[in-house]
Amino acid sequence: MLQNRHRAMLIGAIGAGKSTLTNALLGRKVAAVKTQSLTYYDWIVDTPGEYVENPMFYKSIMATALEVTHVLFIQDATNPKTIFPPGFAGGIPKIPIGIVTKVDDAKADAQRAIRQLKLAMPQGPIVLSSALGGQGIEEIRELAACRSHEEMKMWILDSLSHNVFFN
């Protein structure tokens, strides 16, 4: 499990699955509700989708980034659009992890979502996940416990998971 000094902020579009993913990562069996403000749960900070959909809120992302060690960039595999500008992760000086959500949905296009994340996050791991099916959840926990890109690369090389790769 994660040590107390590790904390991850989830950012992504409205409806991308941030709150559902948060519940899965924490092992909570509760229905996800629309996040209206920053919500702190154990080692996770869940953010409203408006924080990345509206550039006026970027200052809130940057301020919250001061409190975390990792930023999880959430891209919904069922959404043909992305809200992350190219290179967006470069402006946040924290360890990035890309997460493709809803990969088990019939409308999912995981390859498109991966391409979108690669544009926003030129370096770091990308995990294919399904909060409802449990796919990629343990991999996200393990990566969020890593202290550097190098440590994440080593974990991925040692892992037998087909849900994660290093960009």
Protein backbone atom coordinates (compact mmCIF):
# COMPACT_ATOMS: atom_id res chain seq x y z
CA MET A 1 0.00 0.00 0.00
CA LEU A 2 1.05 3.59 -0.42
CA GLN A 3 3.11 5.34 2.18
CA ASN A 4 1.62 8.48 3.71
CA ARG A 5 4.03 10.77 1.87
CA HIS A 6 2.58 9.77 -1.52
CA ARG A 7 -0.52 11.56 -2.73
CA ALA A 8 -2.05 11.57 -6.21
CA MET A 9 -4.30 14.15 -7.84
CA LEU A 10 -6.72 12.93 -10.52
CA ILE A 11 -7.48 15.35 -13.35
CA GLY A 12 -9.65 14.82 -16.40
CA ALA A 13 -12.84 15.83 -18.15
CA ILE A 14 -16.31 15.79 -16.63
CA GLY A 15 -17.57 12.21 -16.79
CA ALA A 16 -14.13 10.69 -17.49
CA GLY A 17 -14.43 8.36 -14.50
CA LYS A 18 -12.29 10.14 -11.89
CA SER A 19 -14.63 9.54 -8.94
CA THR A 20 -15.38 5.95 -9.97
CA LEU A 21 -11.64 5.33 -10.30
CA THR A 22 -11.04 6.94 -6.89
CA ASN A 23 -13.56 4.57 -5.31
CA ALA A 24 -11.96 1.56 -7.02
CA LEU A 25 -8.44 2.57 -5.96
CA LEU A 26 -9.58 2.92 -2.36
CA GLY A 27 -11.64 -0.28 -2.42
CA ARG A 28 -14.83 1.67 -1.67
CA LYS A 29 -18.17 0.19 -2.74
CA VAL A 30 -20.10 3.45 -3.07
CA ALA A 31 -21.74 5.10 -6.05
CA ALA A 32 -19.72 7.88 -7.65
CA VAL A 33 -21.20 11.34 -7.48
CA LYS A 34 -20.32 14.50 -9.42
CA THR A 35 -17.32 16.14 -7.76
CA GLN A 36 -18.13 19.79 -7.03
CA SER A 37 -14.87 20.80 -5.32
CA LEU A 38 -11.52 19.31 -4.37
CA THR A 39 -12.16 16.12 -2.43
CA TYR A 40 -9.45 14.48 -0.34
CA TYR A 41 -9.61 10.73 0.27
CA ASP A 42 -6.66 9.03 1.98
CA TRP A 43 -3.86 9.33 -0.67
CA ILE A 44 -6.08 10.66 -3.49
CA VAL A 45 -7.26 14.16 -4.40
CA ASP A 46 -10.30 14.03 -6.72
CA THR A 47 -10.82 17.20 -8.75
CA PRO A 48 -13.86 18.51 -10.61
CA GLY A 49 -13.66 18.11 -14.39
CA GLU A 50 -14.15 21.86 -14.73
CA TYR A 51 -10.61 22.35 -13.41
CA VAL A 52 -9.12 21.18 -16.71
CA GLU A 53 -12.02 22.03 -19.00
CA ASN A 54 -11.79 25.74 -18.16
CA PRO A 55 -8.33 27.37 -18.30
CA MET A 56 -9.47 29.88 -15.66
CA PHE A 57 -9.19 27.00 -13.15
CA TYR A 58 -5.63 25.97 -14.11
CA LYS A 59 -4.39 27.98 -11.11
CA SER A 60 -6.36 25.59 -8.88
CA ILE A 61 -4.62 22.61 -10.49
CA MET A 62 -1.23 24.25 -9.96
CA ALA A 63 -2.00 25.11 -6.32
CA THR A 64 -3.22 21.59 -5.60
CA ALA A 65 -0.15 20.13 -7.33
CA LEU A 66 1.90 21.60 -4.46
CA GLU A 67 0.20 19.07 -2.16
CA VAL A 68 0.76 15.92 -4.24
CA THR A 69 3.58 13.74 -5.53
CA HIS A 70 1.78 12.37 -8.61
CA VAL A 71 -0.76 13.63 -11.13
CA LEU A 72 -3.03 11.07 -12.80
CA PHE A 73 -4.17 12.28 -16.23
CA ILE A 74 -7.51 10.60 -16.90
CA GLN A 75 -8.65 10.02 -20.50
CA ASP A 76 -12.01 8.33 -21.13
CA ALA A 77 -11.64 5.67 -23.86
CA THR A 78 -15.23 6.30 -24.97
CA ASN A 79 -14.73 10.04 -25.53
CA PRO A 80 -13.35 10.99 -28.96
CA LYS A 81 -12.21 14.37 -27.56
CA THR A 82 -9.53 15.26 -25.07
CA ILE A 83 -9.40 18.35 -22.90
CA PHE A 84 -5.63 18.23 -22.32
CA PRO A 85 -3.59 20.63 -24.45
CA PRO A 86 -0.41 19.20 -26.02
CA GLY A 87 2.40 19.05 -23.45
CA PHE A 88 0.03 19.87 -20.57
CA ALA A 89 1.86 17.55 -18.14
CA GLY A 90 5.09 19.48 -18.67
CA GLY A 91 3.60 22.45 -16.86
CA ILE A 92 2.94 20.45 -13.70
CA PRO A 93 6.18 19.53 -11.92
CA LYS A 94 4.95 16.23 -10.48
CA ILE A 95 5.26 12.60 -11.53
CA PRO A 96 2.65 11.98 -14.27
CA ILE A 97 0.68 8.78 -14.78
CA GLY A 98 -1.71 8.48 -17.73
CA ILE A 99 -4.88 6.49 -17.14
CA VAL A 100 -7.20 5.33 -19.92
CA THR A 101 -10.58 4.64 -18.29
CA LYS A 102 -13.58 2.60 -19.45
CA VAL A 103 -11.49 0.29 -21.67
CA ASP A 104 -14.06 -2.49 -21.29
CA ASP A 105 -16.92 -0.37 -22.69
CA ALA A 106 -18.29 -1.41 -26.10
CA LYS A 107 -17.64 2.13 -27.41
CA ALA A 108 -14.05 2.27 -26.11
CA ASP A 109 -11.19 3.17 -28.43
CA ALA A 110 -8.17 2.61 -26.18
CA GLN A 111 -5.63 3.31 -28.94
CA ARG A 112 -7.14 6.76 -29.61
CA ALA A 113 -7.10 7.52 -25.86
CA ILE A 114 -3.45 6.44 -25.64
CA ARG A 115 -2.54 8.76 -28.53
CA GLN A 116 -4.35 11.62 -26.79
CA LEU A 117 -2.50 11.00 -23.53
CA LYS A 118 0.86 10.78 -25.30
CA LEU A 119 0.31 14.29 -26.68
CA ALA A 120 -0.53 15.70 -23.26
CA MET A 121 2.02 13.63 -21.36
CA PRO A 122 5.15 13.02 -23.45
CA GLN A 123 6.81 10.88 -20.74
CA GLY A 124 5.53 8.44 -18.16
CA PRO A 125 3.46 5.30 -17.73
CA ILE A 126 0.02 4.81 -19.26
CA VAL A 127 -2.38 2.33 -17.68
CA LEU A 128 -5.42 0.78 -19.35
CA SER A 129 -8.15 0.56 -16.74
CA SER A 130 -11.69 -0.34 -15.90
CA ALA A 131 -12.80 0.76 -12.45
CA LEU A 132 -15.91 -1.41 -12.71
CA GLY A 133 -14.04 -4.53 -13.88
CA GLY A 134 -10.92 -3.97 -11.78
CA GLN A 135 -8.53 -3.86 -14.74
CA GLY A 136 -5.39 -1.80 -14.09
CA ILE A 137 -6.36 -0.82 -10.53
CA GLU A 138 -3.48 -2.59 -8.77
CA GLU A 139 -1.04 -1.28 -11.39
CA ILE A 140 -2.14 2.31 -10.69
CA ARG A 141 -1.65 1.78 -6.94
CA GLU A 142 1.85 0.39 -7.52
CA LEU A 143 2.88 3.19 -9.88
CA ALA A 144 1.57 5.86 -7.50
CA ALA A 145 3.88 4.43 -4.83
CA CYS A 146 6.95 4.92 -7.05
CA ARG A 147 9.18 7.92 -6.37
CA SER A 148 10.48 8.60 -9.90
CA HIS A 149 10.15 7.85 -13.60
CA GLU A 150 13.08 5.46 -13.30
CA GLU A 151 11.44 3.54 -10.47
CA MET A 152 8.24 3.30 -12.53
CA LYS A 153 10.17 2.02 -15.56
CA MET A 154 11.80 -0.67 -13.42
CA TRP A 155 8.44 -1.69 -11.93
CA ILE A 156 6.91 -1.96 -15.42
CA LEU A 157 9.84 -4.06 -16.67
CA ASP A 158 9.47 -6.42 -13.68
CA SER A 159 5.68 -6.52 -13.95
CA LEU A 160 3.82 -9.14 -15.93
CA SER A 161 0.92 -6.73 -16.50
CA HIS A 162 -0.45 -6.17 -19.99
CA ASN A 163 -2.35 -3.11 -18.76
CA VAL A 164 0.60 -0.74 -18.47
CA PHE A 165 3.48 0.53 -20.60
CA PHE A 166 5.99 3.38 -20.37
CA ASN A 167 5.65 6.21 -22.87
